[in-house]
Structures are given as structure tokens and as C-alpha cells.
Amino acid sequence: MRRLPALDGLRGVAILLVLLSHSWTSSASNFWPHIGWSGVELFFVLSGFLITTILLEARGSVAYFRTFYARRVLRIFPLYYTVIAVMFVMVAALPADAKPELGIPRGHEWTYWLFLSNASMAASGTFALAAAGITWSLAVEEQFYLLWAPIVRFLRPRLLVYLSVGLYLAALVWRVALYGTHGWTLAGLVLLPSQMDALAAGALVAIVCRDSVSRARASRWAPWIAAVSSSALLMGALRVGTFYSQDATTWVLGLSLYPLLYSSVVTMVLTGWESPLARVLSVPILRTFGRYSYAIYLLHRPLLIGMNTVGLGSLAQPSAPLVSQVAYTSILVTVGLFVGWAIWCLLEQPAQRLKRLFETGERGADARDAYTLEGLPAVLTIGPWRFERPELDPNLKAAAFRLIRLRPSAAMVLPALVSVAMVIVFLTGPATAQTTLPVAVFLMFGVIASVLLAPSRNGYLVAAALIGVVLLSTPHGPYLVAIGLMILAPVVLVPVQSRRLIDRVIRPRHSRPERLS
């Protein structure tokens, strides 16, 4: 398996989405932050993809089961059980008035030791978002590992495709049945059958992309699926006023649309590893967050409790201004990064080194992170950025020349314009409330046009017209459209020969991806 930096970056996006969602409590500009809860869905899609890829590569191994489960234990257990043990010690040692919100229901403590906390939460009906409640998603993944490894081992890849599609549809039917009989229920979110569509979507990408013919077909369909699913999610959020709601649109259909969106993004990264999307996801900061995402995910709730204990919670009150809320979230992101790095150095990395005893197709995935801690490392020498810090060229002129050569491609421009238009629409005041349906419709077609038609001049004109209609619905729409026309005028007026020259200049160059060592 090629190691694609963009997948590390995608994992970084997932953890940043989770941090944004769980830390944003202010009512100021809270429409977009609430989409952060879908970061867990992105984690599930990535998990289904990566685990299925590893299992398919190891199908012929004699020690198939021993190797896979041993490596998963080394990856998950050390940090997980350390965190759970510390929480139980705190419950036993601290006085009742000093105990933090640990999120462990009385009588259900044993479920956390057996990766059954999701079943405990579903049975109690309490969604504990405190320190221990976050473990429900790890319970889902462990249950998936236990069942999926024998299925991949003994089932042919073609049958795995049908099974993945069937599991995706079965999860949707499961949630529809739950919602139809019980209304909103926590079981429709935290149990393995409820999240099987995300895991199955990732697994399907892993299976399909192994074959060159299917891979080419998937690369053609992925942008369409991403455009339609993202537009449907946006329209659903506009209808209810938020991305996070307990209505049928969010919990029944939304949980099936997010896997479609995120699995399409994974497919586009795999089939276009030098595309603008892959280059954006490969930026060092996203890859750094992706590397430490496991520790950050497990510990961000205790960090939030600690921040509130020392008085920082006042920055994120419902009535807090936007600047205050941004400061609160930024503190969590920064502290979480340093804590994740420290946990990686002291606990996770030593356990990762033991993976050498169990070699599989995943071999080499952690080799680039190998280094020795001696004493107390200086922060400026070894830190969270240690392995993703770009090398600084002593020749400033050469560095500037390389920066100039990083030209954006045509495929990057229109998605960026659509994104800017979406942000403007939702930040321009109450006038948007009367135009939500037209805005949603035009944005949907704008996204589709920008993804599929961006390389051509007609694609620019079509998408620009749709974006213009969206911007006209805002209070300052005429001025924004006028500025946009001034920017797009060269696209229309420049002769064809000059446009061809521009296209050749901005066309992205391709290079071979590195292989795992």
C-alpha cells in the first residue's frame, strides 16, 4: 500500500472537526461549527478503508489473525486502558464534590473495560459527552475489528463488494426502523449497526480501488457523489437551521450521507494523489494533527473539563462574543496538540515499536516516527511539529522561487469561490433566512459545476453565474457581483491562445508517490 500524506491530513481534518464541535458553545456564528460532529463519521470511514486495506494485503499470510489482532492491540490498548484506569482511580480517590464529569454510569463500569461502553450508553439512554463518554466510538471500532477480519479472510473480494453495499443499506434501514418506532434514540447513533454504513463505505473504497478498472470508474463517480451528498446535507441543515439536530433528516439520512461524502473524498485522494485536494490535505499542520489524533481524541474531553475548572469556560458561554469563542477553541486545539505529542512520545510510540514483531502489509507505517527521547527535549528542537516541519532552505531566493512555482490549478479556483460564497451567505445577516431554499438549490448546482466543469471556460461561466445569483441574495450582493465580474472579465476577454497558455501554466504536474519503506 502506498502511504499517502493526504490520508494523514484527512485524519487531521477529522480531529479538528471534533474539537470544533465539542468546544463551540457560543451562539455567535454557530451554523458551521456544528458540522464538526461529523468528524467521527470521517474517522469511521477512514477506519473502514485502512483496516480493509491491511486485511486484504495480509489475506495470504499464515499468521493472518495473530498478526492483525496483535497490531491492533498495540495500537489501541495502551493508551485506552491507561486513560480508563486513571479515570477510575480519580473516581475512587477524589471526594464527591471534587470529582470531574467522568461520564461513567453507576453499574456500567465493567462495560468500559470490555469495549462495550456504546452498549452501556444505548441502554442507559444517556449520551455522556464527558471524559469517558467519548470511548463509545472506540467500542464501535473494536467490535468492527473483531467481526470484519474473519469476513475478509474467508470471503472473496467480489462478494465483499456486495456485502459492503448490503451493510450500508442495512444500517440505513436499521435507523429508519428505530426512528419510526421509538423516535430519536441514542442507539441509532452509538451501536455498531448504526455506524456500519460509514465503516462499510470505507471498506468498499478499499476493495474497489485495488482493481485498476474499478478504480478508474470510481474516480469518475466520486466527484458527482461528493457534490450531491454535500448539497443534500447543506439543504437538510438549512431546513432545520443547524447541522446538529435530533430530527429524522439528521439522524436517519444525514448519518448515511456523511459516509457517502467522506468516502468520495477518500476516493478522490486515492485516484488523484497529485490533485489540488490531495495537496491541500497534505499540508504539514494537518498531517501533524492526524498523527496525534488518537491521543487528542481520547483526552480532549478531560482537557475541556480542566479548562472550565480554571475559569476558561467563561470564554465559551452561549452569550459569548465570536472572538471569545474562537480564543477558547484555539486554546483547546493548541493544548490538545502538545498533549497528543507528549502522549505519543511517552506511551504510544514505544508500543508502536513492538509492531516489528508482527509484520504485515502495514509494515513501515510508523518507521518515519521513530526517534529516541533523551532527557527532557527542548520544545524548539523536538515538538509536535518535529516530523512535519518543512526544511528551511538557507538560500532565501531559492525558497521564494519554489513558493512562486506552487501555482493553483483551475480545479482549485471554483470550489474556493463556492466556499467563499457559502461563507458570505451565512454571515451577512437575517436577510438570508428568507432565501434559504434558493440559496441551497443554487449552491448545489454551483458545487456540481465547480467540481465537474472547472477545467473548461464554460465551467467557469456556468459556476460563476450560479455563484452570482447566490451572492445577489445577500445585502451587499450587487457590490460582490460587480467585483466578481471584474475578476472574471479576463477569462471572457482574453483570446483563446492566451487562455490555452494559461491552462498549460496552471495545470498541476504529476509525480510518483513514495512507497512504504
Protein backbone atom coordinates (compact mmCIF):
# COMPACT_ATOMS: atom_id res chain seq x y z
CA MET A 1 0.00 0.00 0.00
CA ARG A 2 1.33 3.46 -0.88
CA ARG A 3 1.46 5.82 2.04
CA LEU A 4 -0.47 8.92 1.02
CA PRO A 5 0.20 12.01 3.15
CA ALA A 6 -3.28 13.29 2.23
CA LEU A 7 -4.87 10.49 4.28
CA ASP A 8 -2.91 11.64 7.32
CA GLY A 9 -4.17 15.14 6.61
CA LEU A 10 -7.73 13.85 6.31
CA ARG A 11 -7.38 12.30 9.75
CA GLY A 12 -6.20 15.71 10.95
CA VAL A 13 -9.34 17.29 9.50
CA ALA A 14 -11.43 14.74 11.39
CA ILE A 15 -9.92 15.54 14.79
CA LEU A 16 -10.14 19.29 14.17
CA LEU A 17 -13.83 18.89 13.33
CA VAL A 18 -14.40 17.04 16.60
CA LEU A 19 -12.54 19.68 18.62
CA LEU A 20 -14.52 22.44 16.93
CA SER A 21 -17.87 20.78 17.59
CA HIS A 22 -17.24 19.93 21.25
CA SER A 23 -15.74 23.30 22.18
CA TRP A 24 -18.11 25.65 20.33
CA THR A 25 -20.95 26.58 22.69
CA SER A 26 -21.40 30.24 21.80
CA SER A 27 -24.45 31.21 19.80
CA ALA A 28 -22.31 33.52 17.63
CA SER A 29 -21.85 32.18 14.09
CA ASN A 30 -22.62 28.64 15.24
CA PHE A 31 -24.10 27.31 11.99
CA TRP A 32 -20.89 25.89 10.52
CA PRO A 33 -19.14 24.73 13.74
CA HIS A 34 -21.95 22.25 14.38
CA ILE A 35 -20.90 20.26 11.33
CA GLY A 36 -17.90 19.24 13.42
CA TRP A 37 -19.81 16.31 14.94
CA SER A 38 -19.41 14.54 11.60
CA GLY A 39 -15.67 14.26 12.27
CA VAL A 40 -16.46 10.95 14.00
CA GLU A 41 -18.11 9.74 10.78
CA LEU A 42 -14.93 10.64 8.90
CA PHE A 43 -12.92 8.61 11.41
CA PHE A 44 -15.18 5.61 10.81
CA VAL A 45 -14.82 5.88 7.03
CA LEU A 46 -11.03 6.10 7.32
CA SER A 47 -11.01 3.17 9.72
CA GLY A 48 -13.08 1.01 7.37
CA PHE A 49 -10.79 1.88 4.49
CA LEU A 50 -7.46 1.38 6.27
CA ILE A 51 -8.42 -1.80 8.13
CA THR A 52 -9.86 -3.40 4.99
CA THR A 53 -6.74 -2.48 3.02
CA ILE A 54 -4.50 -4.04 5.67
CA LEU A 55 -6.61 -7.20 5.81
CA LEU A 56 -6.71 -7.61 2.02
CA GLU A 57 -2.93 -7.29 1.82
CA ALA A 58 -2.49 -9.93 4.54
CA ARG A 59 -5.02 -12.47 3.20
CA GLY A 60 -2.31 -14.92 2.18
CA SER A 61 -0.42 -14.72 5.47
CA VAL A 62 -0.21 -17.82 7.65
CA ALA A 63 -0.40 -15.67 10.79
CA TYR A 64 -3.27 -13.56 9.44
CA PHE A 65 -5.35 -13.35 12.63
CA ARG A 66 -2.48 -13.28 15.12
CA THR A 67 -0.69 -10.50 13.26
CA PHE A 68 -3.74 -8.32 12.71
CA TYR A 69 -5.15 -8.52 16.22
CA ALA A 70 -1.72 -8.16 17.86
CA ARG A 71 -1.03 -4.97 15.93
CA ARG A 72 -4.47 -3.56 16.72
CA VAL A 73 -3.91 -4.31 20.42
CA LEU A 74 -0.59 -2.47 20.34
CA ARG A 75 -2.22 0.48 18.63
CA ILE A 76 -5.35 0.83 20.77
CA PHE A 77 -4.96 -0.81 24.17
CA PRO A 78 -2.01 1.00 25.88
CA LEU A 79 -3.48 4.49 25.74
CA TYR A 80 -7.11 3.41 26.08
CA TYR A 81 -6.62 1.38 29.25
CA THR A 82 -4.30 3.98 30.72
CA VAL A 83 -6.98 6.64 30.34
CA ILE A 84 -9.74 4.38 31.70
CA ALA A 85 -7.61 3.32 34.68
CA VAL A 86 -6.78 6.92 35.57
CA MET A 87 -10.46 7.85 35.42
CA PHE A 88 -11.46 5.03 37.78
CA VAL A 89 -8.67 5.95 40.20
CA MET A 90 -9.92 9.55 40.20
CA VAL A 91 -13.47 8.36 40.92
CA ALA A 92 -12.23 6.33 43.88
CA ALA A 93 -9.77 8.87 45.27
CA LEU A 94 -11.44 12.24 44.87
CA PRO A 95 -14.19 13.48 47.20
CA ALA A 96 -17.67 13.65 45.76
CA ASP A 97 -17.65 17.42 45.36
CA ALA A 98 -14.30 17.37 43.55
CA LYS A 99 -14.95 14.54 41.10
CA PRO A 100 -14.90 15.64 37.48
CA GLU A 101 -17.56 14.70 34.99
CA LEU A 102 -16.24 11.25 34.10
CA GLY A 103 -19.32 10.08 32.26
CA ILE A 104 -19.37 6.55 33.78
CA PRO A 105 -22.93 5.47 34.70
CA ARG A 106 -23.17 3.63 38.00
CA GLY A 107 -23.40 -0.13 37.48
CA HIS A 108 -21.98 0.07 33.95
CA GLU A 109 -18.30 0.46 34.86
CA TRP A 110 -17.38 -3.01 33.60
CA THR A 111 -18.50 -2.18 30.05
CA TYR A 112 -15.63 0.28 29.66
CA TRP A 113 -13.07 -2.46 30.25
CA LEU A 114 -14.61 -4.66 27.54
CA PHE A 115 -15.16 -2.01 24.84
CA LEU A 116 -18.91 -2.12 25.39
CA SER A 117 -19.40 1.47 26.51
CA ASN A 118 -21.53 2.14 23.42
CA ALA A 119 -23.98 -0.56 24.51
CA SER A 120 -23.97 0.93 28.02
CA MET A 121 -24.83 4.37 26.67
CA ALA A 122 -27.58 2.98 24.44
CA ALA A 123 -29.08 1.04 27.37
CA SER A 124 -28.98 3.98 29.77
CA GLY A 125 -30.14 6.48 27.14
CA THR A 126 -27.53 8.96 28.38
CA PHE A 127 -25.07 10.40 25.91
CA ALA A 128 -22.15 11.07 28.24
CA LEU A 129 -20.02 13.65 26.45
CA ALA A 130 -17.72 13.92 29.44
CA ALA A 131 -14.30 12.34 29.85
CA ALA A 132 -15.23 8.66 29.48
CA GLY A 133 -18.25 9.05 27.21
CA ILE A 134 -16.03 9.66 24.19
CA THR A 135 -14.99 5.99 24.25
CA TRP A 136 -18.20 4.87 22.54
CA SER A 137 -16.64 5.30 19.09
CA LEU A 138 -13.62 3.19 20.08
CA ALA A 139 -16.01 0.48 21.22
CA VAL A 140 -17.66 0.55 17.78
CA GLU A 141 -14.31 0.20 16.05
CA GLU A 142 -13.12 -2.68 18.25
CA GLN A 143 -16.35 -4.56 17.62
CA PHE A 144 -15.87 -3.94 13.89
CA TYR A 145 -12.29 -5.29 14.02
CA LEU A 146 -13.46 -8.43 15.77
CA LEU A 147 -16.09 -9.25 13.14
CA TRP A 148 -14.55 -7.88 9.95
CA ALA A 149 -11.21 -9.73 10.00
CA PRO A 150 -12.70 -13.25 9.57
CA ILE A 151 -15.14 -11.95 6.94
CA VAL A 152 -12.33 -10.51 4.80
CA ARG A 153 -10.22 -13.64 5.32
CA PHE A 154 -12.79 -16.12 4.04
CA LEU A 155 -14.90 -14.10 1.60
CA ARG A 156 -13.87 -13.34 -1.96
CA PRO A 157 -13.34 -9.64 -2.83
CA ARG A 158 -16.27 -9.63 -5.26
CA LEU A 159 -18.60 -10.86 -2.53
CA LEU A 160 -17.09 -8.30 -0.16
CA VAL A 161 -18.29 -5.57 -2.52
CA TYR A 162 -21.89 -6.84 -2.36
CA LEU A 163 -21.64 -7.32 1.39
CA SER A 164 -20.37 -3.74 1.91
CA VAL A 165 -23.23 -2.31 -0.14
CA GLY A 166 -25.69 -4.50 1.75
CA LEU A 167 -24.32 -3.39 5.13
CA TYR A 168 -24.57 0.25 4.08
CA LEU A 169 -28.24 -0.16 3.17
CA ALA A 170 -28.92 -2.30 6.24
CA ALA A 171 -27.62 0.48 8.52
CA LEU A 172 -29.99 2.94 6.87
CA VAL A 173 -32.94 0.55 7.29
CA TRP A 174 -31.92 -0.06 10.92
CA ARG A 175 -32.02 3.65 11.74
CA VAL A 176 -35.30 4.19 9.87
CA ALA A 177 -36.87 1.36 11.89
CA LEU A 178 -35.54 2.76 15.17
CA TYR A 179 -36.72 6.27 14.39
CA GLY A 180 -40.10 5.07 13.14
CA THR A 181 -40.82 3.04 16.28
CA HIS A 182 -39.05 4.98 19.05
CA GLY A 183 -38.34 8.41 17.60
CA TRP A 184 -34.89 9.75 18.27
CA THR A 185 -32.89 7.20 20.22
CA LEU A 186 -29.24 7.08 21.20
CA ALA A 187 -28.99 3.53 19.91
CA GLY A 188 -29.36 4.91 16.40
CA LEU A 189 -26.00 6.63 16.81
CA VAL A 190 -23.69 4.66 19.11
CA LEU A 191 -24.30 0.99 18.29
CA LEU A 192 -22.27 -0.88 15.67
CA PRO A 193 -25.25 -1.47 13.31
CA SER A 194 -25.94 2.27 13.39
CA GLN A 195 -22.42 3.11 12.21
CA MET A 196 -21.98 0.18 9.86
CA ASP A 197 -22.69 2.30 6.79
CA ALA A 198 -19.66 4.53 7.49
CA LEU A 199 -17.39 1.54 8.09
CA ALA A 200 -18.81 -0.28 5.06
CA ALA A 201 -18.35 2.79 2.83
CA GLY A 202 -14.67 2.95 3.75
CA ALA A 203 -14.29 -0.78 3.21
CA LEU A 204 -15.94 -0.52 -0.21
CA VAL A 205 -13.43 2.15 -1.28
CA ALA A 206 -10.56 -0.12 -0.21
CA ILE A 207 -11.93 -3.05 -2.21
CA VAL A 208 -12.88 -1.14 -5.35
CA CYS A 209 -9.65 0.85 -5.60
CA ARG A 210 -7.49 -2.29 -5.68
CA ASP A 211 -8.60 -3.00 -9.25
CA SER A 212 -7.44 -0.58 -11.97
CA VAL A 213 -10.70 -0.73 -13.96
CA SER A 214 -12.92 -0.23 -10.90
CA ARG A 215 -10.53 2.43 -9.66
CA ALA A 216 -10.95 4.44 -12.88
CA ARG A 217 -14.72 4.10 -12.69
CA ALA A 218 -14.72 5.20 -9.05
CA SER A 219 -12.62 8.26 -9.89
CA ARG A 220 -15.30 9.39 -12.37
CA TRP A 221 -18.20 8.88 -9.97
CA ALA A 222 -16.60 10.21 -6.77
CA PRO A 223 -16.93 13.96 -7.62
CA TRP A 224 -20.61 13.50 -8.51
CA ILE A 225 -21.33 11.64 -5.27
CA ALA A 226 -19.41 14.21 -3.22
CA ALA A 227 -21.23 17.11 -4.85
CA VAL A 228 -24.73 15.63 -4.48
CA SER A 229 -24.24 14.34 -0.91
CA SER A 230 -22.71 17.61 0.33
CA SER A 231 -25.51 19.59 -1.28
CA ALA A 232 -28.16 17.34 0.27
CA LEU A 233 -26.52 17.74 3.69
CA LEU A 234 -26.47 21.51 3.25
CA MET A 235 -30.13 21.64 2.26
CA GLY A 236 -31.07 19.49 5.25
CA ALA A 237 -29.14 21.78 7.58
CA LEU A 238 -30.78 24.85 6.06
CA ARG A 239 -34.21 23.31 6.55
CA VAL A 240 -33.74 22.71 10.28
CA GLY A 241 -31.33 25.60 10.88
CA THR A 242 -28.36 23.52 12.06
CA PHE A 243 -26.13 20.57 11.13
CA TYR A 244 -26.73 19.08 14.59
CA SER A 245 -30.35 18.18 15.24
CA GLN A 246 -32.34 15.24 16.54
CA ASP A 247 -34.80 15.21 13.65
CA ALA A 248 -35.13 12.48 11.05
CA THR A 249 -33.19 14.41 8.41
CA THR A 250 -30.02 14.50 10.52
CA TRP A 251 -30.10 11.21 12.38
CA VAL A 252 -31.60 8.97 9.71
CA LEU A 253 -30.49 10.39 6.36
CA GLY A 254 -27.54 12.52 7.49
CA LEU A 255 -25.75 9.56 9.03
CA SER A 256 -25.90 7.86 5.62
CA LEU A 257 -24.98 10.94 3.60
CA TYR A 258 -21.81 11.75 5.54
CA PRO A 259 -20.27 8.34 4.71
CA LEU A 260 -21.03 8.96 1.02
CA LEU A 261 -19.36 12.37 1.18
CA TYR A 262 -16.27 11.27 3.09
CA SER A 263 -15.76 8.02 1.19
CA SER A 264 -15.93 10.04 -2.04
CA VAL A 265 -13.24 12.37 -0.70
CA VAL A 266 -11.05 9.36 0.16
CA THR A 267 -11.61 8.02 -3.36
CA MET A 268 -10.64 11.33 -4.95
CA VAL A 269 -7.46 11.39 -2.86
CA LEU A 270 -6.57 7.83 -3.85
CA THR A 271 -7.23 8.32 -7.56
CA GLY A 272 -5.72 11.80 -7.76
CA TRP A 273 -2.81 11.79 -5.37
CA GLU A 274 -1.36 14.92 -7.03
CA SER A 275 -4.69 16.74 -7.29
CA PRO A 276 -5.37 20.10 -5.60
CA LEU A 277 -7.47 18.32 -2.95
CA ALA A 278 -4.62 15.94 -2.11
CA ARG A 279 -2.12 18.81 -1.97
CA VAL A 280 -4.30 20.77 0.43
CA LEU A 281 -4.78 17.74 2.69
CA SER A 282 -1.02 17.09 2.66
CA VAL A 283 -0.08 20.37 4.32
CA PRO A 284 2.18 19.79 7.34
CA ILE A 285 -0.17 21.09 10.03
CA LEU A 286 -3.00 18.73 9.04
CA ARG A 287 -0.64 15.73 8.89
CA THR A 288 0.69 16.64 12.33
CA PHE A 289 -2.81 16.68 13.85
CA GLY A 290 -3.53 13.42 12.04
CA ARG A 291 -0.54 11.70 13.63
CA TYR A 292 -1.56 12.63 17.18
CA SER A 293 -5.32 12.37 16.60
CA TYR A 294 -5.85 9.25 18.74
CA ALA A 295 -4.45 10.80 21.92
CA ILE A 296 -6.10 14.14 21.22
CA TYR A 297 -9.45 12.43 20.71
CA LEU A 298 -9.29 10.45 23.95
CA LEU A 299 -8.06 13.36 26.06
CA HIS A 300 -9.83 16.42 24.66
CA ARG A 301 -12.80 15.98 26.98
CA PRO A 302 -10.64 15.93 30.14
CA LEU A 303 -8.85 18.96 28.73
CA LEU A 304 -12.17 20.77 28.32
CA ILE A 305 -13.08 19.92 31.92
CA GLY A 306 -9.71 21.23 33.08
CA MET A 307 -10.09 24.44 31.08
CA ASN A 308 -13.53 25.04 32.59
CA THR A 309 -12.21 24.28 36.08
CA VAL A 310 -9.57 27.01 35.86
CA GLY A 311 -12.14 29.53 34.66
CA LEU A 312 -11.65 29.49 30.89
CA GLY A 313 -15.21 28.26 30.41
CA SER A 314 -16.40 31.85 30.61
CA LEU A 315 -14.92 32.38 27.16
CA ALA A 316 -17.44 29.97 25.62
CA GLN A 317 -20.74 30.87 27.25
CA PRO A 318 -23.82 30.89 24.95
CA SER A 319 -23.77 34.68 25.02
CA ALA A 320 -20.01 34.94 24.49
CA PRO A 321 -18.82 37.04 21.52
CA LEU A 322 -17.24 35.42 18.49
CA VAL A 323 -13.69 36.50 19.41
CA SER A 324 -14.02 34.95 22.86
CA GLN A 325 -15.29 31.64 21.47
CA VAL A 326 -12.50 31.49 18.87
CA ALA A 327 -9.95 32.06 21.65
CA TYR A 328 -11.45 29.20 23.70
CA THR A 329 -11.38 26.77 20.77
CA SER A 330 -7.86 27.85 19.84
CA ILE A 331 -6.62 27.14 23.36
CA LEU A 332 -8.12 23.63 23.21
CA VAL A 333 -6.56 22.94 19.81
CA THR A 334 -3.14 24.17 20.91
CA VAL A 335 -3.07 22.39 24.27
CA GLY A 336 -4.51 19.25 22.67
CA LEU A 337 -1.70 19.20 20.11
CA PHE A 338 1.01 19.41 22.78
CA VAL A 339 -0.68 16.80 24.98
CA GLY A 340 -1.11 14.48 21.99
CA TRP A 341 2.57 14.87 21.12
CA ALA A 342 3.66 14.17 24.71
CA ILE A 343 1.47 11.05 24.95
CA TRP A 344 2.84 9.85 21.60
CA CYS A 345 6.42 10.21 22.78
CA LEU A 346 5.94 8.65 26.20
CA LEU A 347 3.35 5.92 25.59
CA GLU A 348 2.16 5.38 22.05
CA GLN A 349 5.47 5.30 20.21
CA PRO A 350 7.14 2.70 22.48
CA ALA A 351 4.13 0.44 21.89
CA GLN A 352 4.31 1.07 18.13
CA ARG A 353 7.88 -0.19 18.03
CA LEU A 354 6.67 -3.61 19.18
CA LYS A 355 4.76 -3.90 15.89
CA ARG A 356 8.02 -5.03 14.32
CA LEU A 357 7.32 -8.42 15.87
CA PHE A 358 4.18 -8.68 13.75
CA GLU A 359 4.96 -7.74 10.15
CA THR A 360 2.09 -7.23 7.66
CA GLY A 361 1.27 -5.06 4.69
CA GLU A 362 1.11 -2.19 7.18
CA ARG A 363 4.86 -2.53 7.76
CA GLY A 364 6.72 0.74 7.78
CA ALA A 365 3.72 2.88 8.59
CA ASP A 366 5.33 4.07 11.81
CA ALA A 367 9.01 3.97 10.78
CA ARG A 368 9.10 7.67 10.00
CA ASP A 369 8.09 8.46 13.59
CA ALA A 370 10.98 6.56 15.18
CA TYR A 371 13.31 8.62 17.33
CA THR A 372 14.75 8.42 20.83
CA LEU A 373 13.76 10.69 23.68
CA GLU A 374 16.78 11.58 25.80
CA GLY A 375 16.03 13.50 28.96
CA LEU A 376 13.69 16.46 28.59
CA PRO A 377 13.79 17.56 24.93
CA ALA A 378 13.83 21.25 24.19
CA VAL A 379 10.50 22.43 22.84
CA LEU A 380 12.16 24.29 19.99
CA THR A 381 14.11 21.18 18.97
CA ILE A 382 11.55 18.39 19.37
CA GLY A 383 7.89 19.25 19.43
CA PRO A 384 4.52 18.43 17.88
CA TRP A 385 5.85 19.72 14.56
CA ARG A 386 9.00 17.56 14.78
CA PHE A 387 8.31 15.27 11.80
CA GLU A 388 6.19 17.56 9.66
CA ARG A 389 8.28 20.72 9.87
CA PRO A 390 9.30 21.74 6.32
CA GLU A 391 13.03 22.03 5.82
CA LEU A 392 14.22 25.61 5.59
CA ASP A 393 16.46 26.32 2.64
CA PRO A 394 19.36 28.59 3.63
CA ASN A 395 19.07 30.21 0.23
CA LEU A 396 16.10 32.56 0.61
CA LYS A 397 16.00 33.22 -3.12
CA ALA A 398 15.66 29.51 -3.93
CA ALA A 399 12.92 29.12 -1.31
CA ALA A 400 10.99 32.06 -2.74
CA PHE A 401 11.33 30.63 -6.26
CA ARG A 402 9.84 27.32 -5.15
CA LEU A 403 6.97 29.15 -3.47
CA ILE A 404 6.21 31.05 -6.67
CA ARG A 405 6.10 27.79 -8.63
CA LEU A 406 3.27 26.48 -6.43
CA ARG A 407 0.58 27.79 -8.75
CA PRO A 408 -3.06 26.88 -8.08
CA SER A 409 -4.76 24.73 -10.67
CA ALA A 410 -8.03 25.55 -12.39
CA ALA A 411 -9.75 22.84 -10.40
CA MET A 412 -8.98 24.72 -7.18
CA VAL A 413 -10.46 28.08 -8.16
CA LEU A 414 -14.17 27.34 -8.47
CA PRO A 415 -14.52 25.18 -5.35
CA ALA A 416 -12.81 28.00 -3.48
CA LEU A 417 -15.25 30.52 -4.96
CA VAL A 418 -18.21 28.35 -3.97
CA SER A 419 -16.85 28.02 -0.44
CA VAL A 420 -16.40 31.78 -0.16
CA ALA A 421 -19.94 32.33 -1.44
CA MET A 422 -21.32 29.92 1.16
CA VAL A 423 -19.49 31.70 3.98
CA ILE A 424 -20.68 35.11 2.79
CA VAL A 425 -24.30 33.95 2.56
CA PHE A 426 -24.38 32.72 6.14
CA LEU A 427 -22.53 35.67 7.66
CA THR A 428 -24.46 38.52 6.06
CA GLY A 429 -27.37 38.74 8.44
CA PRO A 430 -31.08 37.92 8.73
CA ALA A 431 -31.81 38.53 5.04
CA THR A 432 -30.54 35.02 4.36
CA ALA A 433 -33.43 33.48 6.28
CA GLN A 434 -35.91 34.40 3.57
CA THR A 435 -33.81 32.88 0.79
CA THR A 436 -32.61 29.59 2.25
CA LEU A 437 -34.23 27.32 -0.34
CA PRO A 438 -33.00 29.23 -3.42
CA VAL A 439 -29.57 29.54 -1.83
CA ALA A 440 -29.44 25.79 -1.22
CA VAL A 441 -30.53 24.96 -4.76
CA PHE A 442 -28.05 27.32 -6.41
CA LEU A 443 -25.22 26.24 -4.15
CA MET A 444 -25.90 22.62 -5.00
CA PHE A 445 -25.60 23.25 -8.72
CA GLY A 446 -22.65 25.56 -8.13
CA VAL A 447 -20.77 22.82 -6.31
CA ILE A 448 -21.52 20.29 -9.04
CA ALA A 449 -20.46 22.70 -11.78
CA SER A 450 -17.28 23.69 -9.96
CA VAL A 451 -16.23 20.07 -9.42
CA LEU A 452 -17.07 18.74 -12.86
CA LEU A 453 -16.58 21.68 -15.21
CA ALA A 454 -13.76 23.65 -13.60
CA PRO A 455 -11.08 22.83 -16.23
CA SER A 456 -13.12 24.44 -19.03
CA ARG A 457 -14.03 28.07 -19.71
CA ASN A 458 -17.71 27.15 -19.93
CA GLY A 459 -17.44 25.61 -16.47
CA TYR A 460 -16.13 28.90 -15.14
CA LEU A 461 -19.00 30.83 -16.69
CA VAL A 462 -21.74 28.44 -15.52
CA ALA A 463 -20.49 28.20 -11.95
CA ALA A 464 -19.76 31.93 -11.79
CA ALA A 465 -23.33 32.71 -12.86
CA LEU A 466 -24.75 30.43 -10.20
CA ILE A 467 -22.50 31.91 -7.52
CA GLY A 468 -23.57 35.38 -8.64
CA VAL A 469 -27.23 34.52 -8.09
CA VAL A 470 -26.39 33.28 -4.60
CA LEU A 471 -24.48 36.44 -3.76
CA LEU A 472 -27.34 38.61 -5.02
CA SER A 473 -29.46 37.24 -2.17
CA THR A 474 -27.17 38.94 0.36
CA PRO A 475 -27.46 42.57 1.47
CA HIS A 476 -24.28 43.58 -0.37
CA GLY A 477 -24.88 41.27 -3.32
CA PRO A 478 -24.68 43.83 -6.14
CA TYR A 479 -21.28 45.04 -4.98
CA LEU A 480 -19.96 41.48 -4.61
CA VAL A 481 -21.22 40.54 -8.07
CA ALA A 482 -19.60 43.63 -9.57
CA ILE A 483 -16.28 42.69 -8.03
CA GLY A 484 -16.70 39.13 -9.30
CA LEU A 485 -17.37 40.35 -12.84
CA MET A 486 -14.22 42.43 -12.75
CA ILE A 487 -12.22 39.38 -11.69
CA LEU A 488 -13.80 37.10 -14.31
CA ALA A 489 -13.57 39.61 -17.16
CA PRO A 490 -10.12 38.39 -18.27
CA VAL A 491 -11.47 34.85 -18.57
CA VAL A 492 -14.02 36.07 -21.12
CA LEU A 493 -11.96 38.69 -22.94
CA VAL A 494 -8.53 37.09 -23.20
CA PRO A 495 -8.00 35.43 -26.62
CA VAL A 496 -8.25 31.67 -26.90
CA GLN A 497 -4.49 31.28 -27.45
CA SER A 498 -3.72 33.14 -24.24
CA ARG A 499 -6.23 31.05 -22.31
CA ARG A 500 -4.61 27.86 -23.59
CA LEU A 501 -1.27 29.18 -22.42
CA ILE A 502 -2.73 29.96 -19.01
CA ASP A 503 -4.23 26.47 -18.80
CA ARG A 504 -0.84 24.93 -19.53
CA VAL A 505 0.79 27.08 -16.87
CA ILE A 506 -1.68 26.25 -14.10
CA ARG A 507 -2.11 22.56 -14.97
CA PRO A 508 -0.82 20.54 -11.97
CA ARG A 509 2.30 18.48 -12.51
CA HIS A 510 2.36 14.80 -11.59
CA SER A 511 4.98 12.83 -9.73
CA ARG A 512 5.14 9.35 -8.36
CA PRO A 513 4.08 8.89 -4.72
CA GLU A 514 6.54 7.40 -2.27
CA ARG A 515 6.06 3.81 -1.26
CA LEU A 516 6.12 2.48 2.26
CA SER A 517 9.60 1.58 3.37
